[in-house]
């Protein structure tokens, strides 16, 4: 899984487990993970991989996003809640993984903005052709794409801060090269 947080909330998992009255062992069997993994998820010391989250949610009778807390849904959230790794989502969308990574991170569509859909015999907008892959409505995908676009400067500033902490000299060079703080 990428290092991008997607909002998994151990407290929500504990709540729904309690409401369902189910054991750690039963959840583990249903989700296809070890009891130790479920215990770590419940304790909040481990975050389920994207492929595991939907199975974990199903094991306690909720949707994947019911186990997460996010301020605004972004593309990373929709991808993880669909149970796909970044590579798997890129493949499902027919994109190179790096192209998808940039799309998910920045919210910039580029060539993905429209695609010719043979089944429709016309060009379709991103929201229209990609929404079924994510398993959401076109409106929800459009909102997540916009939220990703708006969140990009925050991510960029955080990444630059980490670069500066780790290697101030490189950060200065990067700043000079770009003409401003990235």
Protein backbone atom coordinates (compact mmCIF):
# COMPACT_ATOMS: atom_id res chain seq x y z
CA UNK A 1 0.00 0.00 0.00
CA UNK A 2 1.12 3.53 -0.56
CA UNK A 3 1.95 5.70 2.39
CA UNK A 4 -1.12 7.81 1.69
CA UNK A 5 -3.54 7.71 4.59
CA UNK A 6 -7.05 6.81 3.58
CA UNK A 7 -8.88 7.40 6.83
CA UNK A 8 -9.16 3.96 8.44
CA UNK A 9 -10.63 4.47 11.92
CA UNK A 10 -10.00 1.69 14.44
CA UNK A 11 -12.66 3.15 16.74
CA UNK A 12 -15.31 2.66 14.07
CA UNK A 13 -14.21 -0.95 13.59
CA UNK A 14 -14.49 -1.50 17.35
CA UNK A 15 -17.98 0.06 17.37
CA UNK A 16 -19.35 -2.04 14.50
CA UNK A 17 -17.72 -5.20 15.86
CA UNK A 18 -19.42 -4.59 19.20
CA UNK A 19 -22.76 -3.83 17.54
CA UNK A 20 -22.48 -6.99 15.43
CA UNK A 21 -21.49 -9.01 18.47
CA UNK A 22 -18.87 -10.91 16.51
CA UNK A 23 -15.53 -12.33 17.57
CA UNK A 24 -12.06 -11.49 16.33
CA UNK A 25 -11.76 -15.06 15.05
CA UNK A 26 -14.97 -14.80 13.00
CA UNK A 27 -13.91 -11.46 11.50
CA UNK A 28 -10.48 -12.87 10.67
CA UNK A 29 -11.96 -15.91 8.90
CA UNK A 30 -14.45 -13.82 6.94
CA UNK A 31 -11.83 -11.22 5.95
CA UNK A 32 -9.17 -13.81 5.10
CA UNK A 33 -6.59 -12.42 7.52
CA UNK A 34 -5.06 -13.62 10.76
CA UNK A 35 -6.62 -13.00 14.16
CA UNK A 36 -3.47 -11.07 15.04
CA UNK A 37 -4.05 -8.73 12.08
CA UNK A 38 -7.64 -8.08 13.18
CA UNK A 39 -6.44 -7.41 16.73
CA UNK A 40 -3.90 -4.91 15.41
CA UNK A 41 -6.60 -3.22 13.29
CA UNK A 42 -8.84 -2.99 16.35
CA UNK A 43 -5.99 -1.55 18.42
CA UNK A 44 -5.21 1.01 15.74
CA UNK A 45 -1.60 -0.11 15.40
CA UNK A 46 -2.04 -1.44 11.86
CA UNK A 47 -4.07 -0.23 8.89
CA UNK A 48 -5.65 -2.80 6.56
CA UNK A 49 -4.29 -2.94 3.00
CA UNK A 50 -6.69 -1.68 0.33
CA UNK A 51 -7.44 -5.26 -0.74
CA UNK A 52 -8.39 -6.21 2.84
CA UNK A 53 -10.58 -3.25 3.82
CA UNK A 54 -13.71 -4.30 1.84
CA UNK A 55 -13.47 -7.87 3.20
CA UNK A 56 -13.02 -6.53 6.73
CA UNK A 57 -16.05 -4.25 6.30
CA UNK A 58 -18.15 -7.11 4.91
CA UNK A 59 -17.12 -9.28 7.85
CA UNK A 60 -18.77 -6.81 10.23
CA UNK A 61 -21.68 -5.96 7.90
CA UNK A 62 -20.80 -2.44 6.78
CA UNK A 63 -19.43 -0.64 3.71
CA UNK A 64 -15.68 0.10 3.62
CA UNK A 65 -16.21 3.83 4.02
CA UNK A 66 -18.14 3.14 7.24
CA UNK A 67 -14.79 2.10 8.76
CA UNK A 68 -13.10 5.36 7.80
CA UNK A 69 -13.16 8.98 8.82
CA UNK A 70 -12.30 11.57 6.20
CA UNK A 71 -13.03 15.25 5.90
CA UNK A 72 -13.63 15.09 2.15
CA UNK A 73 -13.51 12.04 -0.08
CA UNK A 74 -10.58 12.08 -2.48
CA UNK A 75 -9.64 9.63 -5.22
CA UNK A 76 -7.34 7.73 -2.86
CA UNK A 77 -10.34 7.04 -0.60
CA UNK A 78 -12.56 5.80 -3.41
CA UNK A 79 -9.76 3.56 -4.66
CA UNK A 80 -9.06 2.00 -1.29
CA UNK A 81 -12.75 1.63 -0.49
CA UNK A 82 -13.13 -0.26 -3.78
CA UNK A 83 -10.49 -2.69 -2.52
CA UNK A 84 -7.80 -1.91 -5.06
CA UNK A 85 -4.14 -1.12 -4.80
CA UNK A 86 -2.84 1.75 -6.89
CA UNK A 87 -1.50 -0.72 -9.47
CA UNK A 88 -4.80 -2.60 -9.63
CA UNK A 89 -6.79 0.62 -10.09
CA UNK A 90 -4.43 1.81 -12.81
CA UNK A 91 -4.91 -1.49 -14.61
CA UNK A 92 -8.69 -1.38 -14.19
CA UNK A 93 -8.73 2.12 -15.68
CA UNK A 94 -6.37 1.15 -18.49
CA UNK A 95 -3.60 3.53 -17.40
CA UNK A 96 0.06 3.25 -16.59
CA UNK A 97 0.57 3.11 -12.82
CA UNK A 98 2.58 6.35 -12.77
CA UNK A 99 -0.12 8.13 -14.77
CA UNK A 100 -2.71 6.96 -12.27
CA UNK A 101 -0.51 7.94 -9.31
CA UNK A 102 -0.29 11.48 -10.64
CA UNK A 103 -4.04 11.61 -11.26
CA UNK A 104 -4.86 10.34 -7.78
CA UNK A 105 -2.37 12.68 -6.12
CA UNK A 106 -3.06 15.89 -8.04
CA UNK A 107 -6.62 15.42 -9.27
CA UNK A 108 -5.48 16.56 -12.72
CA UNK A 109 -7.13 14.49 -15.41
CA UNK A 110 -5.02 15.22 -18.47
CA UNK A 111 -5.86 12.68 -21.17
CA UNK A 112 -8.19 10.85 -18.78
CA UNK A 113 -10.68 13.74 -18.99
CA UNK A 114 -12.47 11.98 -21.83
CA UNK A 115 -12.35 8.60 -23.47
CA UNK A 116 -14.06 7.14 -26.47
CA UNK A 117 -16.46 4.47 -25.24
CA UNK A 118 -17.35 1.94 -27.90
CA UNK A 119 -20.28 0.60 -25.92
CA UNK A 120 -21.77 4.13 -25.98
CA UNK A 121 -20.43 4.95 -29.47
CA UNK A 122 -19.31 8.38 -28.27
CA UNK A 123 -16.80 10.25 -26.15
CA UNK A 124 -17.47 10.04 -22.42
CA UNK A 125 -16.27 12.34 -19.63
CA UNK A 126 -14.00 10.99 -16.85
CA UNK A 127 -16.84 10.86 -14.35
CA UNK A 128 -18.95 8.85 -16.73
CA UNK A 129 -16.45 6.22 -17.87
CA UNK A 130 -14.46 5.84 -14.63
CA UNK A 131 -17.28 5.89 -12.04
CA UNK A 132 -18.25 2.22 -12.61
CA UNK A 133 -14.62 1.19 -12.02
CA UNK A 134 -14.66 2.91 -8.63
CA UNK A 135 -18.17 1.65 -7.93
CA UNK A 136 -19.59 5.11 -7.31
CA UNK A 137 -21.84 7.60 -9.05
CA UNK A 138 -20.39 10.07 -11.56
CA UNK A 139 -21.26 12.91 -9.17
CA UNK A 140 -19.37 11.29 -6.30
CA UNK A 141 -16.34 10.68 -8.54
CA UNK A 142 -16.42 14.30 -9.76
CA UNK A 143 -16.50 15.55 -6.16
CA UNK A 144 -13.60 13.26 -5.17
CA UNK A 145 -11.58 14.39 -8.18
CA UNK A 146 -12.15 18.03 -7.26
CA UNK A 147 -11.24 17.34 -3.62
CA UNK A 148 -8.02 15.65 -4.78
CA UNK A 149 -7.20 18.68 -6.94
CA UNK A 150 -7.81 21.05 -4.02
CA UNK A 151 -5.78 18.89 -1.62
CA UNK A 152 -2.70 18.72 -3.88
CA UNK A 153 -1.09 21.99 -2.61
CA UNK A 154 -1.39 20.67 0.95
CA UNK A 155 0.31 17.40 0.00
CA UNK A 156 2.97 19.25 -1.95
CA UNK A 157 3.77 21.55 0.98
CA UNK A 158 3.97 18.58 3.36
CA UNK A 159 6.33 16.72 1.05
CA UNK A 160 8.54 19.77 0.72
CA UNK A 161 8.59 20.18 4.53
CA UNK A 162 9.79 16.57 4.86
CA UNK A 163 12.47 17.16 2.22
CA UNK A 164 13.63 20.27 4.07
CA UNK A 165 13.82 18.35 7.38
CA UNK A 166 15.77 15.51 5.79
CA UNK A 167 18.01 17.44 3.41
CA UNK A 168 17.93 21.26 3.75
CA UNK A 169 20.59 21.74 1.07
CA UNK A 170 18.58 19.79 -1.51
CA UNK A 171 15.45 21.72 -0.50
CA UNK A 172 17.30 24.99 -1.17
CA UNK A 173 18.42 23.71 -4.57
CA UNK A 174 14.89 22.59 -5.40
CA UNK A 175 13.53 25.96 -4.34
CA UNK A 176 16.05 27.77 -6.56
CA UNK A 177 15.31 25.49 -9.49
CA UNK A 178 11.56 26.03 -9.20
CA UNK A 179 11.82 29.71 -8.34
CA UNK A 180 9.68 29.26 -5.22
CA UNK A 181 8.94 26.83 -2.45
CA UNK A 182 7.32 23.82 -4.12
